[in-house]
Amino acid sequence: MKDKKNIFPLILMLVAGALTGIMAYLSNYEIKEFLLILLLVMLCFYIVGLIILKVLAAFEKKNLEELEKQKAEEGIVVEKEQDGESNNSSDQES
């Protein structure tokens, strides 16, 4: 699943490159000017995609940590309740 996330910057870069190519064609840019613009746009959008990927990974890591913390707290509560029930049942038998 992690591999699927890694293609996000590439897809973003290619979509930006395609849109840039279409706009440059419609605007009748010279080939040297077009290639320079295309290179810069694709590079910028690749970097933006990497930044977005890192931010999403940080949010995912934070959410997983909070989920594990909640599970640990629930586990402690359940253990205390079970201990209390076993003490109550032994008290009732006496």
C-alpha atoms as a PDB file:
ATOM      1  CA  MET A   1       0.000   0.000   0.000  1.00  0.00           C
ATOM      2  CA  LYS A   2       2.903   2.317   0.701  1.00  0.00           C
ATOM      3  CA  ASP A   3       4.116   1.882  -2.881  1.00  0.00           C
ATOM      4  CA  LYS A   4       0.802   3.221  -4.194  1.00  0.00           C
ATOM      5  CA  LYS A   5       1.275   6.389  -2.167  1.00  0.00           C
ATOM      6  CA  ASN A   6       4.727   6.966  -3.662  1.00  0.00           C
ATOM      7  CA  ILE A   7       3.302   7.473  -7.155  1.00  0.00           C
ATOM      8  CA  PHE A   8       1.285  10.536  -6.074  1.00  0.00           C
ATOM      9  CA  PRO A   9       4.107  13.048  -6.775  1.00  0.00           C
ATOM     10  CA  LEU A  10       4.690  11.452 -10.177  1.00  0.00           C
ATOM     11  CA  ILE A  11       1.033  11.636 -11.153  1.00  0.00           C
ATOM     12  CA  LEU A  12       0.811  15.249  -9.985  1.00  0.00           C
ATOM     13  CA  MET A  13       3.929  16.115 -11.977  1.00  0.00           C
ATOM     14  CA  LEU A  14       2.655  14.435 -15.145  1.00  0.00           C
ATOM     15  CA  VAL A  15      -0.767  16.094 -14.939  1.00  0.00           C
ATOM     16  CA  ALA A  16       0.883  19.488 -14.470  1.00  0.00           C
ATOM     17  CA  GLY A  17       3.198  18.752 -17.399  1.00  0.00           C
ATOM     18  CA  ALA A  18       0.286  17.763 -19.628  1.00  0.00           C
ATOM     19  CA  LEU A  19      -1.644  20.912 -18.774  1.00  0.00           C
ATOM     20  CA  THR A  20       1.464  23.011 -19.352  1.00  0.00           C
ATOM     21  CA  GLY A  21       2.019  21.355 -22.708  1.00  0.00           C
ATOM     22  CA  ILE A  22      -1.545  22.026 -23.808  1.00  0.00           C
ATOM     23  CA  MET A  23      -1.398  25.661 -22.711  1.00  0.00           C
ATOM     24  CA  ALA A  24       1.992  26.190 -24.364  1.00  0.00           C
ATOM     25  CA  TYR A  25       0.742  24.648 -27.612  1.00  0.00           C
ATOM     26  CA  LEU A  26      -2.344  26.850 -27.627  1.00  0.00           C
ATOM     27  CA  SER A  27      -0.202  29.913 -26.872  1.00  0.00           C
ATOM     28  CA  ASN A  28       2.283  29.134 -29.692  1.00  0.00           C
ATOM     29  CA  TYR A  29       5.447  29.136 -27.560  1.00  0.00           C
ATOM     30  CA  GLU A  30       8.825  28.481 -29.183  1.00  0.00           C
ATOM     31  CA  ILE A  31      10.225  25.014 -28.478  1.00  0.00           C
ATOM     32  CA  LYS A  32      13.182  26.170 -26.317  1.00  0.00           C
ATOM     33  CA  GLU A  33      10.954  28.406 -24.211  1.00  0.00           C
ATOM     34  CA  PHE A  34       8.332  25.674 -23.948  1.00  0.00           C
ATOM     35  CA  LEU A  35      10.824  23.033 -22.815  1.00  0.00           C
ATOM     36  CA  LEU A  36      12.282  25.312 -20.152  1.00  0.00           C
ATOM     37  CA  ILE A  37       8.828  26.154 -18.810  1.00  0.00           C
ATOM     38  CA  LEU A  38       7.814  22.483 -18.913  1.00  0.00           C
ATOM     39  CA  LEU A  39      10.937  21.428 -17.012  1.00  0.00           C
ATOM     40  CA  LEU A  40      10.405  24.041 -14.301  1.00  0.00           C
ATOM     41  CA  VAL A  41       6.694  23.258 -13.913  1.00  0.00           C
ATOM     42  CA  MET A  42       7.276  19.517 -13.695  1.00  0.00           C
ATOM     43  CA  LEU A  43      10.092  19.955 -11.180  1.00  0.00           C
ATOM     44  CA  CYS A  44       8.045  22.319  -9.016  1.00  0.00           C
ATOM     45  CA  PHE A  45       4.999  20.069  -8.996  1.00  0.00           C
ATOM     46  CA  TYR A  46       7.111  17.017  -8.203  1.00  0.00           C
ATOM     47  CA  ILE A  47       8.527  18.832  -5.171  1.00  0.00           C
ATOM     48  CA  VAL A  48       5.030  19.952  -4.131  1.00  0.00           C
ATOM     49  CA  GLY A  49       3.858  16.329  -4.436  1.00  0.00           C
ATOM     50  CA  LEU A  50       6.708  15.147  -2.214  1.00  0.00           C
ATOM     51  CA  ILE A  51       5.842  17.774   0.395  1.00  0.00           C
ATOM     52  CA  ILE A  52       2.174  16.734   0.352  1.00  0.00           C
ATOM     53  CA  LEU A  53       3.222  13.090   0.687  1.00  0.00           C
ATOM     54  CA  LYS A  54       5.390  13.904   3.729  1.00  0.00           C
ATOM     55  CA  VAL A  55       2.582  15.893   5.376  1.00  0.00           C
ATOM     56  CA  LEU A  56       0.101  13.071   4.829  1.00  0.00           C
ATOM     57  CA  ALA A  57       2.600  10.554   6.226  1.00  0.00           C
ATOM     58  CA  ALA A  58       3.046  12.702   9.338  1.00  0.00           C
ATOM     59  CA  PHE A  59      -0.729  12.891   9.848  1.00  0.00           C
ATOM     60  CA  GLU A  60      -1.045   9.147   9.363  1.00  0.00           C
ATOM     61  CA  LYS A  61       1.744   8.468  11.859  1.00  0.00           C
ATOM     62  CA  LYS A  62       0.126  10.786  14.405  1.00  0.00           C
ATOM     63  CA  ASN A  63      -3.269   9.114  13.955  1.00  0.00           C
ATOM     64  CA  LEU A  64      -1.738   5.651  14.368  1.00  0.00           C
ATOM     65  CA  GLU A  65       0.020   6.730  17.564  1.00  0.00           C
ATOM     66  CA  GLU A  66      -3.227   8.129  18.968  1.00  0.00           C
ATOM     67  CA  LEU A  67      -5.089   4.948  18.025  1.00  0.00           C
ATOM     68  CA  GLU A  68      -2.463   2.786  19.743  1.00  0.00           C
ATOM     69  CA  LYS A  69      -2.629   5.034  22.807  1.00  0.00           C
ATOM     70  CA  GLN A  70      -6.422   4.695  22.928  1.00  0.00           C
ATOM     71  CA  LYS A  71      -6.181   0.918  22.566  1.00  0.00           C
ATOM     72  CA  ALA A  72      -3.625   0.806  25.386  1.00  0.00           C
ATOM     73  CA  GLU A  73      -5.860   2.914  27.635  1.00  0.00           C
ATOM     74  CA  GLU A  74      -8.869   0.733  26.850  1.00  0.00           C
ATOM     75  CA  GLY A  75      -6.804  -2.376  27.551  1.00  0.00           C
ATOM     76  CA  ILE A  76      -5.835  -1.043  30.994  1.00  0.00           C
ATOM     77  CA  VAL A  77      -9.463  -0.226  31.799  1.00  0.00           C
ATOM     78  CA  VAL A  78     -10.606  -3.689  30.720  1.00  0.00           C
ATOM     79  CA  GLU A  79      -7.939  -5.374  32.842  1.00  0.00           C
ATOM     80  CA  LYS A  80      -8.923  -3.361  35.904  1.00  0.00           C
ATOM     81  CA  GLU A  81     -12.582  -4.227  35.409  1.00  0.00           C
ATOM     82  CA  GLN A  82     -11.734  -7.913  35.081  1.00  0.00           C
ATOM     83  CA  ASP A  83      -9.603  -7.803  38.218  1.00  0.00           C
ATOM     84  CA  GLY A  84     -12.422  -6.083  40.067  1.00  0.00           C
ATOM     85  CA  GLU A  85     -14.953  -8.662  38.907  1.00  0.00           C
ATOM     86  CA  SER A  86     -12.756 -11.540  39.993  1.00  0.00           C
ATOM     87  CA  ASN A  87     -12.305  -9.920  43.423  1.00  0.00           C
ATOM     88  CA  ASN A  88     -16.059  -9.378  43.763  1.00  0.00           C
ATOM     89  CA  SER A  89     -16.836 -12.981  42.830  1.00  0.00           C
ATOM     90  CA  SER A  90     -14.279 -14.300  45.369  1.00  0.00           C
ATOM     91  CA  ASP A  91     -15.813 -12.010  48.011  1.00  0.00           C
ATOM     92  CA  GLN A  92     -19.279 -13.372  47.241  1.00  0.00           C
ATOM     93  CA  GLU A  93     -18.089 -16.980  47.584  1.00  0.00           C
ATOM     94  CA  SER A  94     -16.684 -16.331  51.084  1.00  0.00           C
END
